Amino acid sequence: MKFLIYISFLFSFFGFAQVNEIDQDSTDVTYIVVEGDSIPKTAIDLDEVMLLHKLKFDSKKDRIRYLILRRKTIKVYPYAKMAAERLDSLSRHLKTLKKQRQKKRYTKKVQKYIEGEFSDELKKLTRTEGQILVKLIHRQTGRTTFDLVKELRNGWRAFWYNTTANVFDIKLKKEYDPWGDKEDYLIEDVLQRNFQSGRLERQKSKLNIDFYELTDKWVYNKTNSQQ
């Protein structure tokens, strides 16, 4: 799908500084090594553990729907996570460039690299997978795909990309709304369960999402207001 190539240029290719942990043989103290400096660490970090409710379905149809949604969400989430990471790198680098010509040249270079690196994979996504990806990009970046394209290119191109996506019934302006959309809540449920199992690597959302409150609404029919 051609519109997915437009999404792909949002990813940048900068690396990140690595933080490594090593154990000193002679003591029980763990040291964190950051760019050559050793910092003593006397506490053990524990991953956050969420107590998730048991999945129940009203019908076989609902169960199949969830399983299909789970497969598609697991497939596209890594792209959304990568988009957030690469967008941060791209934005930081663009701020170091003073001339508009340099910024355009750099963005174009990134686009060519990314299209060559990811377009073949992204074009294999189905229409529904593409729409889930658009929503998850909003979850991870706090901005819609349309706005990201508009920011990194211009308003006309963003309009054109959105129009192209609409041909495939995919809306680049679509936001991730687990409060108002039951399907988005189910996507969040899939994410939380797979973060818990370790199948997906957790990346904090840019949105204010309280999964317990969402579950109260959609599963237990409680009417807590969104914070």
C-alpha atoms as a PDB file:
ATOM      1  CA  MET A   1       0.000   0.000   0.000  1.00  0.00           C
ATOM      2  CA  LYS A   2       1.534   3.202  -1.193  1.00  0.00           C
ATOM      3  CA  PHE A   3       0.425   5.373   1.704  1.00  0.00           C
ATOM      4  CA  LEU A   4       2.507   3.286   4.105  1.00  0.00           C
ATOM      5  CA  ILE A   5       5.627   4.496   2.336  1.00  0.00           C
ATOM      6  CA  TYR A   6       4.582   7.999   3.394  1.00  0.00           C
ATOM      7  CA  ILE A   7       4.439   6.854   6.993  1.00  0.00           C
ATOM      8  CA  SER A   8       7.834   5.201   6.802  1.00  0.00           C
ATOM      9  CA  PHE A   9       9.823   8.405   6.330  1.00  0.00           C
ATOM     10  CA  LEU A  10       8.918   9.382   9.912  1.00  0.00           C
ATOM     11  CA  PHE A  11      11.546   6.918  11.128  1.00  0.00           C
ATOM     12  CA  SER A  12      15.084   8.200  11.534  1.00  0.00           C
ATOM     13  CA  PHE A  13      18.253   6.108  11.747  1.00  0.00           C
ATOM     14  CA  PHE A  14      20.169   7.586  14.659  1.00  0.00           C
ATOM     15  CA  GLY A  15      21.579   5.245  17.293  1.00  0.00           C
ATOM     16  CA  PHE A  16      21.214   5.740  21.006  1.00  0.00           C
ATOM     17  CA  ALA A  17      23.792   5.806  23.788  1.00  0.00           C
ATOM     18  CA  GLN A  18      23.903   2.486  25.546  1.00  0.00           C
ATOM     19  CA  VAL A  19      23.710   2.005  29.279  1.00  0.00           C
ATOM     20  CA  ASN A  20      25.190  -1.256  30.542  1.00  0.00           C
ATOM     21  CA  GLU A  21      25.024  -2.925  33.939  1.00  0.00           C
ATOM     22  CA  ILE A  22      27.875  -5.051  35.306  1.00  0.00           C
ATOM     23  CA  ASP A  23      28.323  -6.921  38.562  1.00  0.00           C
ATOM     24  CA  GLN A  24      31.550  -6.507  40.481  1.00  0.00           C
ATOM     25  CA  ASP A  25      32.840  -9.954  41.511  1.00  0.00           C
ATOM     26  CA  SER A  26      34.093  -8.973  44.974  1.00  0.00           C
ATOM     27  CA  THR A  27      30.896  -7.329  46.258  1.00  0.00           C
ATOM     28  CA  ASP A  28      27.165  -7.571  45.994  1.00  0.00           C
ATOM     29  CA  VAL A  29      26.944  -4.018  44.681  1.00  0.00           C
ATOM     30  CA  THR A  30      25.854  -3.540  41.092  1.00  0.00           C
ATOM     31  CA  TYR A  31      27.447  -0.711  39.138  1.00  0.00           C
ATOM     32  CA  ILE A  32      25.898   1.206  36.276  1.00  0.00           C
ATOM     33  CA  VAL A  33      28.433   2.169  33.623  1.00  0.00           C
ATOM     34  CA  VAL A  34      27.529   5.308  31.681  1.00  0.00           C
ATOM     35  CA  GLU A  35      30.119   6.529  29.186  1.00  0.00           C
ATOM     36  CA  GLY A  36      33.014   5.266  31.301  1.00  0.00           C
ATOM     37  CA  ASP A  37      31.736   6.345  34.736  1.00  0.00           C
ATOM     38  CA  SER A  38      30.763   3.775  37.355  1.00  0.00           C
ATOM     39  CA  ILE A  39      27.883   4.607  39.672  1.00  0.00           C
ATOM     40  CA  PRO A  40      27.180   2.328  42.662  1.00  0.00           C
ATOM     41  CA  LYS A  41      23.665   0.935  42.718  1.00  0.00           C
ATOM     42  CA  THR A  42      22.382  -0.512  45.993  1.00  0.00           C
ATOM     43  CA  ALA A  43      18.810  -1.312  44.966  1.00  0.00           C
ATOM     44  CA  ILE A  44      17.364  -3.863  42.578  1.00  0.00           C
ATOM     45  CA  ASP A  45      15.090  -2.546  39.836  1.00  0.00           C
ATOM     46  CA  LEU A  46      11.875  -4.493  39.419  1.00  0.00           C
ATOM     47  CA  ASP A  47       9.648  -4.273  36.379  1.00  0.00           C
ATOM     48  CA  GLU A  48       6.156  -2.941  36.937  1.00  0.00           C
ATOM     49  CA  VAL A  49       3.632  -5.753  37.180  1.00  0.00           C
ATOM     50  CA  MET A  50      -0.020  -5.127  36.381  1.00  0.00           C
ATOM     51  CA  LEU A  51      -2.753  -7.394  37.655  1.00  0.00           C
ATOM     52  CA  LEU A  52      -4.854  -8.043  34.586  1.00  0.00           C
ATOM     53  CA  HIS A  53      -8.385  -9.352  34.573  1.00  0.00           C
ATOM     54  CA  LYS A  54      -9.211 -12.729  33.072  1.00  0.00           C
ATOM     55  CA  LEU A  55     -10.341 -12.520  29.477  1.00  0.00           C
ATOM     56  CA  LYS A  56     -14.002 -13.366  28.927  1.00  0.00           C
ATOM     57  CA  PHE A  57     -15.987 -13.196  25.709  1.00  0.00           C
ATOM     58  CA  ASP A  58     -19.731 -13.003  25.170  1.00  0.00           C
ATOM     59  CA  SER A  59     -19.569 -15.091  22.023  1.00  0.00           C
ATOM     60  CA  LYS A  60     -17.284 -17.116  19.787  1.00  0.00           C
ATOM     61  CA  LYS A  61     -17.415 -14.238  17.300  1.00  0.00           C
ATOM     62  CA  ASP A  62     -16.072 -11.800  19.907  1.00  0.00           C
ATOM     63  CA  ARG A  63     -13.267 -14.205  20.797  1.00  0.00           C
ATOM     64  CA  ILE A  64     -12.224 -14.578  17.154  1.00  0.00           C
ATOM     65  CA  ARG A  65     -12.367 -10.807  16.708  1.00  0.00           C
ATOM     66  CA  TYR A  66     -10.037 -10.341  19.674  1.00  0.00           C
ATOM     67  CA  LEU A  67      -7.568 -12.964  18.443  1.00  0.00           C
ATOM     68  CA  ILE A  68      -7.404 -11.348  15.003  1.00  0.00           C
ATOM     69  CA  LEU A  69      -6.926  -7.926  16.580  1.00  0.00           C
ATOM     70  CA  ARG A  70      -4.194  -9.351  18.821  1.00  0.00           C
ATOM     71  CA  ARG A  71      -2.278 -10.762  15.868  1.00  0.00           C
ATOM     72  CA  LYS A  72      -2.451  -7.482  13.936  1.00  0.00           C
ATOM     73  CA  THR A  73      -1.533  -5.340  16.959  1.00  0.00           C
ATOM     74  CA  ILE A  74       1.492  -7.463  17.829  1.00  0.00           C
ATOM     75  CA  LYS A  75       2.604  -7.224  14.216  1.00  0.00           C
ATOM     76  CA  VAL A  76       2.476  -3.417  13.873  1.00  0.00           C
ATOM     77  CA  TYR A  77       3.344  -2.210  17.394  1.00  0.00           C
ATOM     78  CA  PRO A  78       7.126  -2.476  16.808  1.00  0.00           C
ATOM     79  CA  TYR A  79       6.780  -0.040  13.893  1.00  0.00           C
ATOM     80  CA  ALA A  80       4.941   2.476  16.074  1.00  0.00           C
ATOM     81  CA  LYS A  81       7.560   2.102  18.792  1.00  0.00           C
ATOM     82  CA  MET A  82      10.311   2.621  16.250  1.00  0.00           C
ATOM     83  CA  ALA A  83       8.502   5.678  14.899  1.00  0.00           C
ATOM     84  CA  ALA A  84       8.519   7.292  18.350  1.00  0.00           C
ATOM     85  CA  GLU A  85      12.207   6.540  18.883  1.00  0.00           C
ATOM     86  CA  ARG A  86      13.278   7.724  15.445  1.00  0.00           C
ATOM     87  CA  LEU A  87      11.065  10.797  15.585  1.00  0.00           C
ATOM     88  CA  ASP A  88      12.793  11.921  18.769  1.00  0.00           C
ATOM     89  CA  SER A  89      16.182  11.497  17.086  1.00  0.00           C
ATOM     90  CA  LEU A  90      15.050  13.280  13.944  1.00  0.00           C
ATOM     91  CA  SER A  91      13.592  16.200  15.883  1.00  0.00           C
ATOM     92  CA  ARG A  92      16.734  16.600  17.986  1.00  0.00           C
ATOM     93  CA  HIS A  93      18.968  16.622  14.932  1.00  0.00           C
ATOM     94  CA  LEU A  94      16.781  19.058  13.013  1.00  0.00           C
ATOM     95  CA  LYS A  95      17.084  21.513  15.907  1.00  0.00           C
ATOM     96  CA  THR A  96      20.854  21.557  15.417  1.00  0.00           C
ATOM     97  CA  LEU A  97      20.476  22.649  11.785  1.00  0.00           C
ATOM     98  CA  LYS A  98      20.096  26.391  11.344  1.00  0.00           C
ATOM     99  CA  LYS A  99      19.389  26.701   7.620  1.00  0.00           C
ATOM    100  CA  GLN A 100      16.124  25.577   6.069  1.00  0.00           C
ATOM    101  CA  ARG A 101      18.047  24.120   3.140  1.00  0.00           C
ATOM    102  CA  GLN A 102      20.006  21.892   5.496  1.00  0.00           C
ATOM    103  CA  LYS A 103      16.816  20.695   7.150  1.00  0.00           C
ATOM    104  CA  LYS A 104      15.169  19.858   3.827  1.00  0.00           C
ATOM    105  CA  ARG A 105      18.280  18.090   2.587  1.00  0.00           C
ATOM    106  CA  TYR A 106      18.547  16.060   5.778  1.00  0.00           C
ATOM    107  CA  THR A 107      14.847  15.121   5.815  1.00  0.00           C
ATOM    108  CA  LYS A 108      15.036  14.022   2.188  1.00  0.00           C
ATOM    109  CA  LYS A 109      18.095  11.907   2.935  1.00  0.00           C
ATOM    110  CA  VAL A 110      16.300  10.251   5.840  1.00  0.00           C
ATOM    111  CA  GLN A 111      13.234   9.613   3.698  1.00  0.00           C
ATOM    112  CA  LYS A 112      15.254   7.860   0.979  1.00  0.00           C
ATOM    113  CA  TYR A 113      17.048   5.733   3.537  1.00  0.00           C
ATOM    114  CA  ILE A 114      13.874   4.721   5.326  1.00  0.00           C
ATOM    115  CA  GLU A 115      11.929   3.963   2.165  1.00  0.00           C
ATOM    116  CA  GLY A 116      14.697   1.617   1.086  1.00  0.00           C
ATOM    117  CA  GLU A 117      14.905   0.036   4.541  1.00  0.00           C
ATOM    118  CA  PHE A 118      11.252  -0.341   5.545  1.00  0.00           C
ATOM    119  CA  SER A 119       8.912   0.237   2.611  1.00  0.00           C
ATOM    120  CA  ASP A 120       8.896  -3.407   1.482  1.00  0.00           C
ATOM    121  CA  GLU A 121       7.797  -4.530   4.939  1.00  0.00           C
ATOM    122  CA  LEU A 122       5.237  -1.757   5.382  1.00  0.00           C
ATOM    123  CA  LYS A 123       3.674  -2.393   1.978  1.00  0.00           C
ATOM    124  CA  LYS A 124       2.827  -5.909   3.138  1.00  0.00           C
ATOM    125  CA  LEU A 125       0.475  -4.560   5.796  1.00  0.00           C
ATOM    126  CA  THR A 126      -3.242  -4.964   5.222  1.00  0.00           C
ATOM    127  CA  ARG A 127      -5.687  -2.067   5.376  1.00  0.00           C
ATOM    128  CA  THR A 128      -6.716  -2.852   8.965  1.00  0.00           C
ATOM    129  CA  GLU A 129      -3.099  -3.295  10.037  1.00  0.00           C
ATOM    130  CA  GLY A 130      -2.286   0.069   8.466  1.00  0.00           C
ATOM    131  CA  GLN A 131      -5.086   1.760  10.416  1.00  0.00           C
ATOM    132  CA  ILE A 132      -3.958   0.154  13.675  1.00  0.00           C
ATOM    133  CA  LEU A 133      -0.431   1.386  12.957  1.00  0.00           C
ATOM    134  CA  VAL A 134      -1.730   4.939  12.440  1.00  0.00           C
ATOM    135  CA  LYS A 135      -3.498   4.816  15.807  1.00  0.00           C
ATOM    136  CA  LEU A 136      -0.500   3.333  17.610  1.00  0.00           C
ATOM    137  CA  ILE A 137       1.775   6.028  16.172  1.00  0.00           C
ATOM    138  CA  HIS A 138      -0.554   8.528  17.860  1.00  0.00           C
ATOM    139  CA  ARG A 139      -0.356   6.489  21.074  1.00  0.00           C
ATOM    140  CA  GLN A 140       3.430   6.482  21.082  1.00  0.00           C
ATOM    141  CA  THR A 141       4.137  10.007  19.795  1.00  0.00           C
ATOM    142  CA  GLY A 142       1.119  11.981  20.992  1.00  0.00           C
ATOM    143  CA  ARG A 143       0.571  13.260  17.447  1.00  0.00           C
ATOM    144  CA  THR A 144      -1.405  11.934  14.531  1.00  0.00           C
ATOM    145  CA  THR A 145       0.380  10.626  11.476  1.00  0.00           C
ATOM    146  CA  PHE A 146      -1.209  13.467   9.489  1.00  0.00           C
ATOM    147  CA  ASP A 147       0.257  16.095  11.840  1.00  0.00           C
ATOM    148  CA  LEU A 148       3.673  14.441  11.779  1.00  0.00           C
ATOM    149  CA  VAL A 149       3.749  14.475   7.994  1.00  0.00           C
ATOM    150  CA  LYS A 150       2.550  18.085   8.010  1.00  0.00           C
ATOM    151  CA  GLU A 151       5.281  19.064  10.464  1.00  0.00           C
ATOM    152  CA  LEU A 152       8.088  17.300   8.629  1.00  0.00           C
ATOM    153  CA  ARG A 153       6.912  18.209   5.140  1.00  0.00           C
ATOM    154  CA  ASN A 154       4.100  20.706   4.597  1.00  0.00           C
ATOM    155  CA  GLY A 155       0.345  21.031   4.842  1.00  0.00           C
ATOM    156  CA  TRP A 156      -0.344  20.220   1.196  1.00  0.00           C
ATOM    157  CA  ARG A 157       1.576  16.957   1.311  1.00  0.00           C
ATOM    158  CA  ALA A 158      -0.177  15.997   4.529  1.00  0.00           C
ATOM    159  CA  PHE A 159      -3.527  16.662   2.851  1.00  0.00           C
ATOM    160  CA  TRP A 160      -2.485  14.606  -0.161  1.00  0.00           C
ATOM    161  CA  TYR A 161      -1.280  11.687   1.965  1.00  0.00           C
ATOM    162  CA  ASN A 162      -4.519  11.734   3.909  1.00  0.00           C
ATOM    163  CA  THR A 163      -6.540  11.738   0.685  1.00  0.00           C
ATOM    164  CA  THR A 164      -4.483   8.830  -0.671  1.00  0.00           C
ATOM    165  CA  ALA A 165      -4.992   6.871   2.539  1.00  0.00           C
ATOM    166  CA  ASN A 166      -8.738   7.520   2.394  1.00  0.00           C
ATOM    167  CA  VAL A 167      -8.837   5.645  -0.895  1.00  0.00           C
ATOM    168  CA  PHE A 168      -7.906   2.583   1.167  1.00  0.00           C
ATOM    169  CA  ASP A 169     -10.314   3.628   3.941  1.00  0.00           C
ATOM    170  CA  ILE A 170      -7.375   4.572   6.176  1.00  0.00           C
ATOM    171  CA  LYS A 171      -7.411   7.910   7.969  1.00  0.00           C
ATOM    172  CA  LEU A 172      -4.068   9.447   8.876  1.00  0.00           C
ATOM    173  CA  LYS A 173      -5.846  11.883  11.213  1.00  0.00           C
ATOM    174  CA  LYS A 174      -7.245   9.008  13.252  1.00  0.00           C
ATOM    175  CA  GLU A 175      -6.396   9.248  16.962  1.00  0.00           C
ATOM    176  CA  TYR A 176      -5.977   6.463  19.476  1.00  0.00           C
ATOM    177  CA  ASP A 177      -9.020   6.662  21.741  1.00  0.00           C
ATOM    178  CA  PRO A 178      -9.402   3.705  24.125  1.00  0.00           C
ATOM    179  CA  TRP A 179     -11.931   5.745  26.110  1.00  0.00           C
ATOM    180  CA  GLY A 180     -14.362   6.259  23.251  1.00  0.00           C
ATOM    181  CA  ASP A 181     -13.621   3.307  20.963  1.00  0.00           C
ATOM    182  CA  LYS A 182     -14.064  -0.275  22.194  1.00  0.00           C
ATOM    183  CA  GLU A 183     -11.645  -1.596  19.582  1.00  0.00           C
ATOM    184  CA  ASP A 184      -8.926   0.765  20.826  1.00  0.00           C
ATOM    185  CA  TYR A 185      -9.517  -0.512  24.353  1.00  0.00           C
ATOM    186  CA  LEU A 186      -9.052  -4.070  23.096  1.00  0.00           C
ATOM    187  CA  ILE A 187      -5.826  -2.974  21.404  1.00  0.00           C
ATOM    188  CA  GLU A 188      -4.672  -1.551  24.746  1.00  0.00           C
ATOM    189  CA  ASP A 189      -5.605  -4.827  26.400  1.00  0.00           C
ATOM    190  CA  VAL A 190      -3.482  -6.703  23.859  1.00  0.00           C
ATOM    191  CA  LEU A 191      -0.550  -4.365  24.471  1.00  0.00           C
ATOM    192  CA  GLN A 192      -0.676  -4.631  28.252  1.00  0.00           C
ATOM    193  CA  ARG A 193      -0.867  -8.434  28.200  1.00  0.00           C
ATOM    194  CA  ASN A 194       2.036  -8.721  25.793  1.00  0.00           C
ATOM    195  CA  PHE A 195       4.109  -6.179  27.723  1.00  0.00           C
ATOM    196  CA  GLN A 196       3.472  -8.356  30.738  1.00  0.00           C
ATOM    197  CA  SER A 197       4.516 -11.558  28.970  1.00  0.00           C
ATOM    198  CA  GLY A 198       7.602  -9.939  27.448  1.00  0.00           C
ATOM    199  CA  ARG A 199       6.514 -10.574  23.889  1.00  0.00           C
ATOM    200  CA  LEU A 200       6.439  -6.834  23.234  1.00  0.00           C
ATOM    201  CA  GLU A 201       8.911  -4.309  24.635  1.00  0.00           C
ATOM    202  CA  ARG A 202       7.141  -1.701  26.699  1.00  0.00           C
ATOM    203  CA  GLN A 203       7.479   1.913  25.626  1.00  0.00           C
ATOM    204  CA  LYS A 204       5.641   4.563  27.596  1.00  0.00           C
ATOM    205  CA  SER A 205       2.756   6.136  25.730  1.00  0.00           C
ATOM    206  CA  LYS A 206       2.654   9.891  25.207  1.00  0.00           C
ATOM    207  CA  LEU A 207      -1.035   9.733  26.080  1.00  0.00           C
ATOM    208  CA  ASN A 208      -2.486   9.630  29.567  1.00  0.00           C
ATOM    209  CA  ILE A 209      -3.760   6.050  29.685  1.00  0.00           C
ATOM    210  CA  ASP A 210      -5.010   4.374  32.856  1.00  0.00           C
ATOM    211  CA  PHE A 211      -5.723   0.784  31.888  1.00  0.00           C
ATOM    212  CA  TYR A 212      -7.494  -0.004  35.153  1.00  0.00           C
ATOM    213  CA  GLU A 213      -9.966   2.829  34.639  1.00  0.00           C
ATOM    214  CA  LEU A 214     -10.488   1.746  31.053  1.00  0.00           C
ATOM    215  CA  THR A 215     -11.199  -1.778  32.231  1.00  0.00           C
ATOM    216  CA  ASP A 216     -13.683  -0.469  34.801  1.00  0.00           C
ATOM    217  CA  LYS A 217     -15.560   1.211  31.980  1.00  0.00           C
ATOM    218  CA  TRP A 218     -15.491  -1.438  29.277  1.00  0.00           C
ATOM    219  CA  VAL A 219     -15.490  -4.645  31.354  1.00  0.00           C
ATOM    220  CA  TYR A 220     -17.219  -3.738  34.638  1.00  0.00           C
ATOM    221  CA  ASN A 221     -19.456  -0.942  33.292  1.00  0.00           C
ATOM    222  CA  LYS A 222     -18.291   1.570  35.849  1.00  0.00           C
ATOM    223  CA  THR A 223     -18.698   5.223  34.919  1.00  0.00           C
ATOM    224  CA  ASN A 224     -15.455   6.776  36.159  1.00  0.00           C
ATOM    225  CA  SER A 225     -14.659   9.974  34.235  1.00  0.00           C
ATOM    226  CA  GLN A 226     -11.451  10.186  32.185  1.00  0.00           C
ATOM    227  CA  GLN A 227      -8.679  12.084  33.937  1.00  0.00           C
END
